[in-house]
């Protein structure tokens, strides 16, 4: 490491420490979350830490497999490590991605850009890096969609909900099924799907925006949506559907990823002594995390809290559930931010070596052919 790099790292860490000392205590809600956690059961809080880091390890495993598949390195972690793409690198990249999704506008898309940039640091070609990121996104959020559908089905079958809540659950289930159908049709019949989506968006735009919504704008937006969905499905098909055993394993790890994150929520509820049913809490978790994944606020700030508390209220919980929800968001939302700021610069260590390994030689040797007489 050169003196210039060392000096830059020291300045960066000093600035980070100053920001943590001066800025973090001024953020609304975080000081209260620290007080709540510090006054609760120590072993359960450590268990919550282990659960949230276990979920990051699951995500890193999925990302590592998809990177190994796209680069031809396979499932062997040892081969990926020799290429600079081992488990420790994937774990740091996962932390950086989750931290970026909490502070950058755009949510998942911004986090995917950070992951793509991290893979490019290790010398992956653009097509391979984009394919790995797309496949990981489909696996993780496809599993979340299944959890969301299960949560909605429970809300609809729960007879304690009023008519308005039941109607809202049915409508959300209908929209989710339509979105899944749109994904399938975008791959099977992209042109027909683009024309259908253009018609729907154009009528909706003219209804709400009147003359400011043009036909050309609608066609361009519909084409981008269909093209994006088509590329995501193609990435999943190329990487997984030809290997059913690997697909089942990765979706199992994705279920474990969300389960460990939900386990952190359960442990915080137990640590703070707030009683609630396990099924109801998991249903509220599925609904809240799904809405928090939408690019409305960075990391779903405010959306996750309000949706989770509102869903638990619909299921009969009292106002005391707001306290452990804030405590859980200290782990789920605030914890990755400083860790990402610390770990992201370490991704560049040794990047020049691995970047050279993936590039063709600049001056290939000349082949001398014998002249025929």
Protein backbone atom coordinates (compact mmCIF):
# COMPACT_ATOMS: atom_id res chain seq x y z
CA UNK A 1 0.00 0.00 0.00
CA UNK A 2 1.48 3.35 -1.03
CA UNK A 3 1.82 6.36 1.27
CA UNK A 4 -0.82 8.24 -0.73
CA UNK A 5 -3.35 5.43 -0.33
CA UNK A 6 -2.59 5.16 3.39
CA UNK A 7 -2.99 8.92 3.88
CA UNK A 8 -6.28 8.90 1.98
CA UNK A 9 -7.57 6.03 4.15
CA UNK A 10 -6.61 7.84 7.35
CA UNK A 11 -8.37 11.03 6.25
CA UNK A 12 -11.42 9.01 5.25
CA UNK A 13 -11.60 7.21 8.60
CA UNK A 14 -11.11 10.48 10.50
CA UNK A 15 -13.94 12.08 8.55
CA UNK A 16 -16.11 9.04 9.17
CA UNK A 17 -15.46 9.17 12.90
CA UNK A 18 -16.31 12.86 13.01
CA UNK A 19 -19.53 12.24 11.09
CA UNK A 20 -20.56 9.41 13.43
CA UNK A 21 -19.82 11.58 16.47
CA UNK A 22 -21.60 14.74 15.25
CA UNK A 23 -24.25 13.66 12.76
CA UNK A 24 -25.71 10.35 13.96
CA UNK A 25 -27.00 11.69 17.33
CA UNK A 26 -28.98 14.35 15.43
CA UNK A 27 -30.88 11.83 13.26
CA UNK A 28 -34.53 11.55 14.43
CA UNK A 29 -35.35 8.23 16.09
CA UNK A 30 -31.86 6.78 16.33
CA UNK A 31 -31.12 8.07 19.84
CA UNK A 32 -34.38 6.63 21.13
CA UNK A 33 -33.57 3.31 19.45
CA UNK A 34 -30.18 3.20 21.22
CA UNK A 35 -31.84 3.84 24.59
CA UNK A 36 -34.40 1.09 24.01
CA UNK A 37 -31.78 -1.46 23.02
CA UNK A 38 -29.36 -0.59 25.83
CA UNK A 39 -32.04 -1.22 28.48
CA UNK A 40 -33.05 -4.66 27.18
CA UNK A 41 -31.70 -8.21 27.57
CA UNK A 42 -28.04 -8.48 26.58
CA UNK A 43 -27.98 -12.10 25.31
CA UNK A 44 -31.07 -11.55 23.16
CA UNK A 45 -29.55 -8.40 21.66
CA UNK A 46 -26.39 -10.31 20.77
CA UNK A 47 -28.57 -13.03 19.24
CA UNK A 48 -30.27 -10.32 17.16
CA UNK A 49 -26.82 -9.15 16.01
CA UNK A 50 -25.93 -12.69 14.97
CA UNK A 51 -29.25 -13.08 13.14
CA UNK A 52 -28.81 -9.92 11.08
CA UNK A 53 -25.21 -10.81 10.20
CA UNK A 54 -26.33 -14.33 9.35
CA UNK A 55 -28.80 -12.87 6.87
CA UNK A 56 -25.98 -10.86 5.27
CA UNK A 57 -23.90 -14.05 5.01
CA UNK A 58 -26.79 -15.77 3.19
CA UNK A 59 -27.05 -12.90 0.71
CA UNK A 60 -23.28 -13.02 0.18
CA UNK A 61 -23.49 -16.76 -0.53
CA UNK A 62 -26.15 -16.21 -3.20
CA UNK A 63 -24.13 -13.43 -4.78
CA UNK A 64 -20.98 -15.53 -4.71
CA UNK A 65 -22.68 -18.44 -6.45
CA UNK A 66 -24.15 -16.29 -9.21
CA UNK A 67 -20.77 -14.62 -9.76
CA UNK A 68 -19.11 -18.03 -9.91
CA UNK A 69 -21.70 -19.21 -12.45
CA UNK A 70 -21.27 -16.18 -14.71
CA UNK A 71 -17.46 -16.31 -14.63
CA UNK A 72 -17.16 -20.08 -15.01
CA UNK A 73 -15.58 -20.53 -11.58
CA UNK A 74 -18.46 -22.71 -10.39
CA UNK A 75 -19.63 -23.24 -6.81
CA UNK A 76 -16.15 -23.74 -5.34
CA UNK A 77 -15.46 -20.94 -2.84
CA UNK A 78 -11.74 -21.78 -3.00
CA UNK A 79 -11.57 -21.10 -6.74
CA UNK A 80 -13.45 -17.82 -6.28
CA UNK A 81 -11.08 -16.81 -3.50
CA UNK A 82 -8.06 -17.25 -5.77
CA UNK A 83 -9.80 -14.92 -8.19
CA UNK A 84 -10.43 -12.35 -5.44
CA UNK A 85 -14.13 -13.22 -5.18
CA UNK A 86 -14.15 -15.25 -1.97
CA UNK A 87 -16.71 -15.23 0.83
CA UNK A 88 -15.04 -12.40 2.74
CA UNK A 89 -15.10 -10.12 -0.30
CA UNK A 90 -18.74 -11.02 -1.02
CA UNK A 91 -19.67 -10.35 2.61
CA UNK A 92 -18.05 -6.90 2.52
CA UNK A 93 -19.75 -6.17 -0.80
CA UNK A 94 -23.09 -7.25 0.68
CA UNK A 95 -22.67 -4.89 3.63
CA UNK A 96 -21.77 -2.06 1.24
CA UNK A 97 -24.84 -2.80 -0.89
CA UNK A 98 -27.21 -2.85 2.08
CA UNK A 99 -25.71 0.33 3.49
CA UNK A 100 -26.02 2.11 0.14
CA UNK A 101 -29.67 1.12 -0.18
CA UNK A 102 -30.38 2.91 3.12
CA UNK A 103 -28.92 6.29 2.14
CA UNK A 104 -29.06 6.55 -1.66
CA UNK A 105 -32.26 7.46 -3.51
CA UNK A 106 -33.56 4.67 -5.67
CA UNK A 107 -33.33 1.92 -3.07
CA UNK A 108 -32.65 -1.43 -4.70
CA UNK A 109 -31.49 0.02 -8.02
CA UNK A 110 -28.86 2.16 -6.28
CA UNK A 111 -27.73 -0.84 -4.23
CA UNK A 112 -27.47 -2.94 -7.39
CA UNK A 113 -25.28 -0.24 -8.93
CA UNK A 114 -22.96 -0.42 -5.91
CA UNK A 115 -22.73 -4.21 -6.24
CA UNK A 116 -22.04 -3.94 -9.95
CA UNK A 117 -19.28 -1.39 -9.29
CA UNK A 118 -17.77 -3.69 -6.65
CA UNK A 119 -17.68 -6.61 -9.07
CA UNK A 120 -16.12 -4.41 -11.74
CA UNK A 121 -13.39 -3.54 -9.21
CA UNK A 122 -12.47 -7.23 -9.21
CA UNK A 123 -12.17 -7.20 -12.97
CA UNK A 124 -15.50 -8.72 -13.99
CA UNK A 125 -16.58 -7.73 -17.46
CA UNK A 126 -19.73 -5.55 -17.68
CA UNK A 127 -21.97 -8.31 -19.08
CA UNK A 128 -20.90 -10.82 -16.42
CA UNK A 129 -21.30 -8.35 -13.56
CA UNK A 130 -24.74 -7.23 -14.73
CA UNK A 131 -25.88 -10.84 -15.16
CA UNK A 132 -24.74 -11.78 -11.64
CA UNK A 133 -26.48 -8.76 -10.09
CA UNK A 134 -29.69 -9.42 -12.04
CA UNK A 135 -29.79 -13.09 -11.05
CA UNK A 136 -29.21 -12.32 -7.37
CA UNK A 137 -31.94 -9.67 -7.42
CA UNK A 138 -34.46 -12.04 -8.99
CA UNK A 139 -33.70 -14.82 -6.47
CA UNK A 140 -33.85 -12.60 -3.36
CA UNK A 141 -36.84 -10.46 -4.28
CA UNK A 142 -38.67 -13.33 -5.96
CA UNK A 143 -38.57 -15.07 -2.59
CA UNK A 144 -39.80 -11.89 -0.93
CA UNK A 145 -42.73 -11.83 -3.38
CA UNK A 146 -43.67 -15.35 -2.26
CA UNK A 147 -43.53 -14.24 1.40
CA UNK A 148 -45.68 -11.21 0.54
CA UNK A 149 -48.28 -13.39 -1.21
CA UNK A 150 -48.42 -15.68 1.83
CA UNK A 151 -48.87 -12.67 4.11
CA UNK A 152 -51.70 -11.30 1.98
CA UNK A 153 -53.40 -14.70 1.89
CA UNK A 154 -53.29 -14.81 5.70
CA UNK A 155 -54.75 -11.31 5.95
CA UNK A 156 -57.59 -12.22 3.59
CA UNK A 157 -58.40 -15.45 5.45
CA UNK A 158 -58.22 -13.75 8.85
CA UNK A 159 -61.88 -13.12 9.74
CA UNK A 160 -60.98 -10.52 12.37
CA UNK A 161 -60.21 -7.89 9.71
CA UNK A 162 -62.88 -5.39 8.77
CA UNK A 163 -64.25 -5.08 5.25
CA UNK A 164 -61.96 -2.21 4.26
CA UNK A 165 -58.82 -4.08 5.36
CA UNK A 166 -59.96 -7.27 3.63
CA UNK A 167 -60.73 -5.36 0.41
CA UNK A 168 -57.32 -3.68 0.52
CA UNK A 169 -55.62 -7.08 0.99
CA UNK A 170 -57.53 -8.58 -1.95
CA UNK A 171 -56.61 -5.60 -4.13
CA UNK A 172 -52.91 -5.87 -3.17
CA UNK A 173 -53.00 -9.61 -3.92
CA UNK A 174 -54.56 -8.91 -7.31
CA UNK A 175 -51.90 -6.32 -8.17
CA UNK A 176 -49.12 -8.70 -7.14
CA UNK A 177 -50.47 -11.51 -9.30
CA UNK A 178 -50.81 -9.06 -12.22
CA UNK A 179 -47.17 -8.02 -11.74
CA UNK A 180 -46.04 -11.67 -11.80
CA UNK A 181 -48.11 -12.27 -14.94
CA UNK A 182 -46.54 -9.19 -16.53
CA UNK A 183 -43.08 -10.59 -15.80
CA UNK A 184 -43.93 -13.91 -17.44
CA UNK A 185 -45.51 -12.29 -20.49
CA UNK A 186 -42.59 -9.89 -20.91
CA UNK A 187 -40.36 -12.89 -21.54
CA UNK A 188 -42.80 -14.94 -23.61
CA UNK A 189 -44.44 -12.20 -25.73
CA UNK A 190 -42.50 -8.94 -25.32
CA UNK A 191 -44.12 -7.08 -28.24
CA UNK A 192 -47.69 -7.88 -27.22
CA UNK A 193 -46.88 -7.05 -23.59
CA UNK A 194 -45.35 -3.72 -24.61
CA UNK A 195 -48.46 -2.78 -26.63
CA UNK A 196 -50.79 -3.78 -23.78
CA UNK A 197 -48.74 -1.91 -21.17
CA UNK A 198 -48.58 1.15 -23.43
CA UNK A 199 -52.37 1.23 -23.69
CA UNK A 200 -52.86 0.88 -19.93
CA UNK A 201 -50.28 3.52 -19.03
CA UNK A 202 -51.51 5.92 -21.70
CA UNK A 203 -55.10 5.79 -20.47
CA UNK A 204 -54.00 6.17 -16.86
CA UNK A 205 -51.69 9.08 -17.73
CA UNK A 206 -54.36 10.90 -19.71
CA UNK A 207 -56.80 10.39 -16.85
CA UNK A 208 -54.57 11.90 -14.19
CA UNK A 209 -52.12 14.16 -16.10
CA UNK A 210 -54.31 15.14 -19.07
CA UNK A 211 -52.38 16.65 -21.96
CA UNK A 212 -48.96 16.47 -20.35
CA UNK A 213 -48.87 12.70 -20.98
CA UNK A 214 -47.97 11.91 -24.59
CA UNK A 215 -48.18 8.68 -26.53
CA UNK A 216 -44.46 8.69 -27.34
CA UNK A 217 -43.51 9.03 -23.66
CA UNK A 218 -45.79 6.15 -22.80
CA UNK A 219 -44.30 3.87 -25.46
CA UNK A 220 -40.76 4.64 -24.28
CA UNK A 221 -41.62 3.90 -20.64
CA UNK A 222 -43.43 0.69 -21.51
CA UNK A 223 -40.51 -0.46 -23.68
CA UNK A 224 -38.03 0.15 -20.85
CA UNK A 225 -40.19 -1.78 -18.36
CA UNK A 226 -40.65 -4.77 -20.68
CA UNK A 227 -36.97 -4.82 -21.64
CA UNK A 228 -35.89 -4.72 -18.00
CA UNK A 229 -38.25 -7.54 -17.00
CA UNK A 230 -37.20 -9.60 -20.00
CA UNK A 231 -33.51 -9.29 -19.11
CA UNK A 232 -34.19 -10.26 -15.48
CA UNK A 233 -36.10 -13.41 -16.47
CA UNK A 234 -33.49 -14.33 -19.07
CA UNK A 235 -30.74 -13.99 -16.46
CA UNK A 236 -32.63 -16.27 -14.09
CA UNK A 237 -33.31 -18.82 -16.82
CA UNK A 238 -29.73 -18.95 -18.05
CA UNK A 239 -28.23 -19.28 -14.59
CA UNK A 240 -30.70 -21.47 -12.72
CA UNK A 241 -33.42 -23.20 -14.68
CA UNK A 242 -30.92 -25.44 -16.41
CA UNK A 243 -29.66 -26.54 -12.97
CA UNK A 244 -32.72 -27.41 -10.81
CA UNK A 245 -30.70 -28.58 -7.80
CA UNK A 246 -28.71 -25.32 -7.70
CA UNK A 247 -31.91 -23.30 -8.13
CA UNK A 248 -33.58 -25.07 -5.20
CA UNK A 249 -30.48 -24.52 -3.05
CA UNK A 250 -30.28 -20.82 -3.83
CA UNK A 251 -33.98 -20.20 -3.21
CA UNK A 252 -33.58 -22.07 0.07
CA UNK A 253 -30.73 -19.75 1.05
CA UNK A 254 -32.89 -16.77 0.03
CA UNK A 255 -35.67 -18.01 2.34
CA UNK A 256 -33.09 -18.32 5.12
CA UNK A 257 -31.91 -14.75 4.35
CA UNK A 258 -35.38 -13.31 4.99
CA UNK A 259 -36.03 -15.70 7.88
CA UNK A 260 -32.93 -14.59 9.77
CA UNK A 261 -33.85 -10.94 9.23
CA UNK A 262 -37.33 -11.68 10.60
CA UNK A 263 -35.72 -13.58 13.49
CA UNK A 264 -33.94 -10.36 14.45
CA UNK A 265 -37.37 -8.70 14.68
CA UNK A 266 -38.73 -11.54 16.85
CA UNK A 267 -35.75 -11.36 19.21
CA UNK A 268 -36.16 -7.60 19.66
CA UNK A 269 -39.83 -8.10 20.55
CA UNK A 270 -38.87 -10.75 23.11
CA UNK A 271 -35.97 -8.69 24.50
CA UNK A 272 -38.23 -5.67 25.07
CA UNK A 273 -40.97 -7.79 26.61
CA UNK A 274 -43.70 -6.95 24.10
CA UNK A 275 -45.97 -9.98 23.58
CA UNK A 276 -47.27 -10.75 20.10
CA UNK A 277 -48.07 -13.81 18.02
CA UNK A 278 -45.31 -15.27 15.87
CA UNK A 279 -47.51 -15.69 12.78
CA UNK A 280 -48.93 -12.18 13.06
CA UNK A 281 -45.46 -10.72 13.40
CA UNK A 282 -44.16 -12.62 10.37
CA UNK A 283 -47.18 -11.47 8.32
CA UNK A 284 -46.55 -7.85 9.32
CA UNK A 285 -42.87 -8.30 8.49
CA UNK A 286 -43.65 -9.63 4.99
CA UNK A 287 -46.01 -6.76 4.19
CA UNK A 288 -43.78 -4.04 5.65
CA UNK A 289 -40.53 -5.20 4.05
CA UNK A 290 -42.21 -5.55 0.66
CA UNK A 291 -43.58 -2.00 0.75
CA UNK A 292 -40.25 -0.78 2.12
CA UNK A 293 -38.50 -2.28 -0.91
CA UNK A 294 -40.38 0.11 -3.20
CA UNK A 295 -38.29 3.17 -4.20
CA UNK A 296 -40.36 5.61 -2.16
CA UNK A 297 -37.80 6.56 0.51
CA UNK A 298 -34.16 5.44 0.98
CA UNK A 299 -34.22 2.05 2.68
CA UNK A 300 -37.97 2.33 3.23
CA UNK A 301 -37.41 4.85 6.04
CA UNK A 302 -40.80 5.62 7.56
CA UNK A 303 -42.59 3.23 5.19
CA UNK A 304 -41.46 0.04 6.96
CA UNK A 305 -42.23 1.41 10.40
CA UNK A 306 -45.69 2.73 9.51
CA UNK A 307 -46.67 -0.36 7.51
CA UNK A 308 -45.51 -2.81 10.15
CA UNK A 309 -47.21 -0.98 13.01
CA UNK A 310 -50.40 -0.54 10.95
CA UNK A 311 -50.50 -4.23 9.97
CA UNK A 312 -49.98 -5.34 13.56
CA UNK A 313 -52.77 -2.96 14.62
CA UNK A 314 -55.09 -4.58 12.08
CA UNK A 315 -54.22 -7.96 13.59
CA UNK A 316 -55.14 -6.76 17.09
CA UNK A 317 -51.82 -5.51 18.52
CA UNK A 318 -51.63 -2.45 20.74
CA UNK A 319 -49.57 0.74 20.42
CA UNK A 320 -46.72 -0.79 22.45
CA UNK A 321 -45.47 -2.59 19.30
CA UNK A 322 -43.99 0.70 18.07
CA UNK A 323 -41.16 0.38 20.60
CA UNK A 324 -39.64 -2.92 19.38
CA UNK A 325 -40.23 -1.93 15.74
CA UNK A 326 -37.95 1.08 16.30
CA UNK A 327 -35.42 -1.20 18.01
CA UNK A 328 -35.48 -3.61 15.08
CA UNK A 329 -34.87 -0.78 12.61
CA UNK A 330 -31.70 0.06 14.51
CA UNK A 331 -30.32 -3.28 13.28
CA UNK A 332 -32.08 -3.46 9.91
CA UNK A 333 -31.66 0.17 8.79
CA UNK A 334 -29.02 2.05 10.81
CA UNK A 335 -26.42 -0.68 11.43
CA UNK A 336 -25.34 -1.24 7.77
CA UNK A 337 -24.73 2.46 7.12
CA UNK A 338 -21.52 2.99 9.17
CA UNK A 339 -20.35 -0.56 8.38
CA UNK A 340 -20.72 0.11 4.66
CA UNK A 341 -18.78 3.35 4.98
CA UNK A 342 -15.94 1.43 6.65
CA UNK A 343 -15.92 -1.65 4.41
CA UNK A 344 -16.53 -0.18 0.96
CA UNK A 345 -13.01 1.35 0.62
CA UNK A 346 -11.50 -2.05 1.46
CA UNK A 347 -13.00 -3.48 -1.73
CA UNK A 348 -10.34 -1.66 -3.72
CA UNK A 349 -7.44 -3.41 -1.94
CA UNK A 350 -5.64 -5.56 -4.50
CA UNK A 351 -8.09 -4.61 -7.25
CA UNK A 352 -5.36 -3.87 -9.81
CA UNK A 353 -4.06 -7.45 -9.65
CA UNK A 354 -7.44 -9.06 -10.25
CA UNK A 355 -8.41 -6.55 -12.92
CA UNK A 356 -5.31 -7.47 -14.91
CA UNK A 357 -6.18 -11.14 -14.68
CA UNK A 358 -9.48 -10.65 -16.50
CA UNK A 359 -8.16 -8.40 -19.28
CA UNK A 360 -6.54 -9.66 -22.47
CA UNK A 361 -2.91 -8.73 -23.02
CA UNK A 362 -2.45 -5.33 -24.58
CA UNK A 363 0.22 -6.49 -27.07
CA UNK A 364 -0.49 -10.09 -28.03
CA UNK A 365 2.55 -11.97 -29.32
CA UNK A 366 2.95 -11.96 -33.03
CA UNK A 367 2.79 -15.25 -34.84
CA UNK A 368 5.51 -15.62 -37.45
CA UNK A 369 4.48 -17.73 -40.36
CA UNK A 370 6.93 -19.32 -42.71
CA UNK A 371 6.75 -18.10 -46.24
CA UNK A 372 5.94 -20.61 -48.86
CA UNK A 373 8.42 -21.00 -51.62
